[in-house]
Amino acid sequence: MNAGFFKRLASFIIDFTIIFAIVFTSFRIIGAPILQNRIDDYPDHVVIYNQAMNDYLANLDEIQARLDRGIYTESQAEIERAELEESFNENYYEVSQTVYSYWIYSFVYFAVLLTLVNYLYVLGFKGRTFGRKLMKLRLSGRVTWWSLFIREVLWKSFFWIFTFSFGLAIDFGLIAFTRNRKTIRDYVSGTRVILDDVVYPF
């Protein structure tokens, strides 16, 4: 019998927590120091950026307060906001680019490492991950390195990343609202998640 929504959701949460903990620890110990060392003056730029952003937000609040008190009209407030934004971009462009670059590199690091660790985690246990064992589930079908690559890398990690997590909603929607409770990756990889405990017909 194919596994239901809540068991698969609980299994996913357990396994994702394990994988994320590994990736986050790796990032804090290895990834973050490497990225910060490769970006010139990163620590100083972060301090400057945070202070500048705090000032920028405080000025925006002041403009809104003047608008609320009737000191500014809406058009005057818009002009003030535009001038404030232009000044911020002009004065802190380099600092902002440094901080944004770090965020982008960090996202790529996390995405790549999450994909890799997830694949190796599932491959190492041949689909019998801790989450599935605890929920009494197992991966059935053609469980090979290639089918797991299709399932976990192409139609899980890449699919979720490139659809901005909308693919996650599609997958759990298929599990929750279709009769056979199979996701796209179940079909294309020739695998499925089934119950691994005793199922009585009554």
Protein backbone atom coordinates (compact mmCIF):
# COMPACT_ATOMS: atom_id res chain seq x y z
CA MET A 1 0.00 0.00 0.00
CA ASN A 2 1.30 3.43 -0.93
CA ALA A 3 2.16 5.68 2.01
CA GLY A 4 -0.26 8.45 2.96
CA PHE A 5 0.25 12.17 3.29
CA PHE A 6 0.93 12.52 7.02
CA LYS A 7 3.41 9.64 7.25
CA ARG A 8 5.35 10.97 4.26
CA LEU A 9 5.25 14.51 5.64
CA ALA A 10 6.58 13.35 9.03
CA SER A 11 9.26 11.28 7.30
CA PHE A 12 10.28 14.28 5.19
CA ILE A 13 10.52 16.58 8.21
CA ILE A 14 12.71 14.12 10.11
CA ASP A 15 15.05 13.51 7.18
CA PHE A 16 15.22 17.17 6.19
CA THR A 17 16.11 18.15 9.78
CA ILE A 18 19.03 15.71 9.73
CA ILE A 19 20.24 16.85 6.30
CA PHE A 20 19.85 20.56 7.09
CA ALA A 21 21.77 20.15 10.36
CA ILE A 22 24.67 18.60 8.47
CA VAL A 23 24.65 21.31 5.79
CA PHE A 24 24.26 24.19 8.25
CA THR A 25 27.10 22.89 10.44
CA SER A 26 29.30 22.49 7.36
CA PHE A 27 28.48 26.04 6.28
CA ARG A 28 29.29 27.56 9.67
CA ILE A 29 32.58 25.66 10.00
CA ILE A 30 33.81 25.59 6.39
CA GLY A 31 31.61 27.48 3.93
CA ALA A 32 31.12 30.83 5.68
CA PRO A 33 34.82 31.39 6.52
CA ILE A 34 35.86 30.51 2.96
CA LEU A 35 33.29 32.86 1.43
CA GLN A 36 34.15 35.69 3.82
CA ASN A 37 37.87 35.33 3.11
CA ARG A 38 37.30 35.40 -0.65
CA ILE A 39 35.24 38.60 -0.48
CA ASP A 40 37.40 41.66 0.18
CA ASP A 41 36.63 43.58 3.39
CA TYR A 42 33.48 41.55 4.02
CA PRO A 43 33.29 42.05 7.84
CA ASP A 44 33.75 45.84 7.56
CA HIS A 45 31.23 46.06 4.73
CA VAL A 46 28.63 44.16 6.75
CA VAL A 47 28.93 46.61 9.64
CA ILE A 48 28.64 49.60 7.27
CA TYR A 49 25.72 48.04 5.38
CA ASN A 50 23.75 47.22 8.55
CA GLN A 51 24.20 50.75 9.92
CA ALA A 52 23.30 52.31 6.58
CA MET A 53 20.22 50.09 6.27
CA ASN A 54 19.10 50.99 9.79
CA ASP A 55 19.44 54.70 8.94
CA TYR A 56 17.61 54.18 5.65
CA LEU A 57 14.68 52.45 7.36
CA ALA A 58 14.58 55.10 10.11
CA ASN A 59 14.37 57.83 7.44
CA LEU A 60 11.59 55.96 5.68
CA ASP A 61 9.68 55.78 8.97
CA GLU A 62 10.18 59.52 9.45
CA ILE A 63 8.82 60.24 5.97
CA GLN A 64 5.79 58.05 6.71
CA ALA A 65 5.26 59.81 10.05
CA ARG A 66 5.30 63.23 8.33
CA LEU A 67 2.85 61.92 5.76
CA ASP A 68 0.56 60.62 8.51
CA ARG A 69 0.69 64.00 10.33
CA GLY A 70 -0.21 65.83 7.15
CA ILE A 71 3.13 67.60 6.85
CA TYR A 72 3.78 65.86 3.51
CA THR A 73 1.42 65.15 0.69
CA GLU A 74 1.64 61.73 -0.98
CA SER A 75 3.55 63.21 -3.92
CA GLN A 76 6.05 64.92 -1.60
CA ALA A 77 6.53 61.66 0.31
CA GLU A 78 7.17 59.80 -2.94
CA ILE A 79 9.79 62.37 -3.95
CA GLU A 80 11.49 62.05 -0.55
CA ARG A 81 11.48 58.25 -0.78
CA ALA A 82 12.95 58.33 -4.28
CA GLU A 83 15.70 60.75 -3.24
CA LEU A 84 16.48 58.66 -0.17
CA GLU A 85 16.72 55.46 -2.23
CA GLU A 86 18.90 57.15 -4.85
CA SER A 87 21.22 58.50 -2.15
CA PHE A 88 21.48 55.08 -0.50
CA ASN A 89 22.27 53.33 -3.79
CA GLU A 90 24.82 55.95 -4.74
CA ASN A 91 26.66 56.04 -1.41
CA TYR A 92 26.54 52.35 -0.53
CA TYR A 93 26.59 50.62 -3.91
CA GLU A 94 29.92 48.84 -3.38
CA VAL A 95 29.05 47.84 0.17
CA SER A 96 25.66 46.51 -0.95
CA GLN A 97 27.22 44.50 -3.78
CA THR A 98 29.62 42.89 -1.32
CA VAL A 99 26.81 41.85 1.02
CA TYR A 100 24.53 40.70 -1.82
CA SER A 101 27.36 38.66 -3.33
CA TYR A 102 27.82 36.86 -0.02
CA TRP A 103 24.10 36.09 0.16
CA ILE A 104 24.07 34.75 -3.41
CA TYR A 105 27.17 32.60 -2.87
CA SER A 106 25.68 31.32 0.38
CA PHE A 107 22.43 30.37 -1.36
CA VAL A 108 24.32 28.50 -4.09
CA TYR A 109 26.45 26.76 -1.45
CA PHE A 110 23.37 25.66 0.47
CA ALA A 111 21.50 24.55 -2.66
CA VAL A 112 24.40 22.48 -3.99
CA LEU A 113 25.30 20.94 -0.63
CA LEU A 114 21.68 20.18 0.28
CA THR A 115 21.29 18.40 -3.05
CA LEU A 116 24.51 16.43 -2.62
CA VAL A 117 23.99 15.48 1.04
CA ASN A 118 20.37 14.50 0.40
CA TYR A 119 21.39 12.25 -2.50
CA LEU A 120 24.24 10.60 -0.58
CA TYR A 121 22.02 10.22 2.50
CA VAL A 122 19.27 8.44 0.58
CA LEU A 123 21.76 6.44 -1.51
CA GLY A 124 23.72 5.34 1.55
CA PHE A 125 20.60 3.90 3.17
CA LYS A 126 19.19 2.65 -0.17
CA GLY A 127 16.04 4.62 0.44
CA ARG A 128 15.56 3.36 4.01
CA THR A 129 16.25 6.71 5.69
CA PHE A 130 15.76 7.39 9.39
CA GLY A 131 12.54 9.24 8.72
CA ARG A 132 11.08 6.37 6.71
CA LYS A 133 12.16 3.79 9.27
CA LEU A 134 10.55 5.74 12.10
CA MET A 135 7.34 6.13 10.10
CA LYS A 136 7.48 2.47 8.98
CA LEU A 137 7.85 3.33 5.33
CA ARG A 138 10.17 2.06 2.64
CA LEU A 139 11.13 2.94 -0.90
CA SER A 140 9.96 0.27 -3.32
CA GLY A 141 10.77 -0.35 -6.98
CA ARG A 142 14.03 0.02 -8.91
CA VAL A 143 16.21 1.46 -6.13
CA THR A 144 19.57 2.03 -7.87
CA TRP A 145 22.07 4.89 -7.87
CA TRP A 146 20.59 6.10 -11.16
CA SER A 147 16.92 5.91 -10.13
CA LEU A 148 17.78 7.71 -6.88
CA PHE A 149 19.68 10.36 -8.86
CA ILE A 150 16.60 10.95 -11.02
CA ARG A 151 14.33 10.90 -7.99
CA GLU A 152 16.33 12.89 -5.44
CA VAL A 153 18.46 15.24 -7.57
CA LEU A 154 16.53 15.97 -10.77
CA TRP A 155 12.92 15.65 -9.62
CA LYS A 156 13.27 16.68 -6.01
CA SER A 157 16.12 19.11 -5.36
CA PHE A 158 16.33 20.73 -8.82
CA PHE A 159 12.56 20.67 -9.31
CA TRP A 160 11.94 22.38 -5.97
CA ILE A 161 14.74 24.93 -6.40
CA PHE A 162 13.90 25.97 -9.98
CA THR A 163 10.18 26.24 -9.23
CA PHE A 164 10.95 28.38 -6.14
CA SER A 165 9.51 25.66 -3.85
CA PHE A 166 6.25 25.52 -5.84
CA GLY A 167 7.30 21.98 -6.77
CA LEU A 168 7.15 21.09 -3.08
CA ALA A 169 3.50 22.12 -2.99
CA ILE A 170 2.82 20.11 -6.17
CA ASP A 171 4.42 16.99 -4.70
CA PHE A 172 2.54 17.12 -1.41
CA GLY A 173 -0.65 18.00 -3.27
CA LEU A 174 -0.29 14.84 -5.36
CA ILE A 175 0.33 12.79 -2.21
CA ALA A 176 -2.65 14.30 -0.41
CA PHE A 177 -5.25 14.42 -3.18
CA THR A 178 -4.55 11.60 -5.64
CA ARG A 179 -5.66 8.01 -5.19
CA ASN A 180 -2.27 6.35 -5.73
CA ARG A 181 -0.44 9.05 -3.68
CA LYS A 182 2.49 9.19 -6.10
CA THR A 183 4.56 12.28 -6.94
CA ILE A 184 6.16 13.10 -10.29
CA ARG A 185 9.49 11.70 -9.06
CA ASP A 186 7.77 8.44 -8.13
CA TYR A 187 6.60 8.04 -11.73
CA VAL A 188 9.80 9.05 -13.53
CA SER A 189 12.16 7.08 -11.26
CA GLY A 190 10.10 3.91 -11.17
CA THR A 191 9.96 4.00 -7.37
CA ARG A 192 7.30 4.63 -4.76
CA VAL A 193 7.03 5.02 -1.00
CA ILE A 194 4.98 2.27 0.58
CA LEU A 195 3.96 1.18 4.06
CA ASP A 196 6.42 -1.21 5.65
CA ASP A 197 4.24 -2.43 8.49
CA VAL A 198 1.40 -4.90 8.64
CA VAL A 199 -1.74 -3.68 6.88
CA TYR A 200 -4.93 -5.52 7.78
CA PRO A 201 -7.78 -5.71 5.23
CA PHE A 202 -10.40 -4.90 7.87
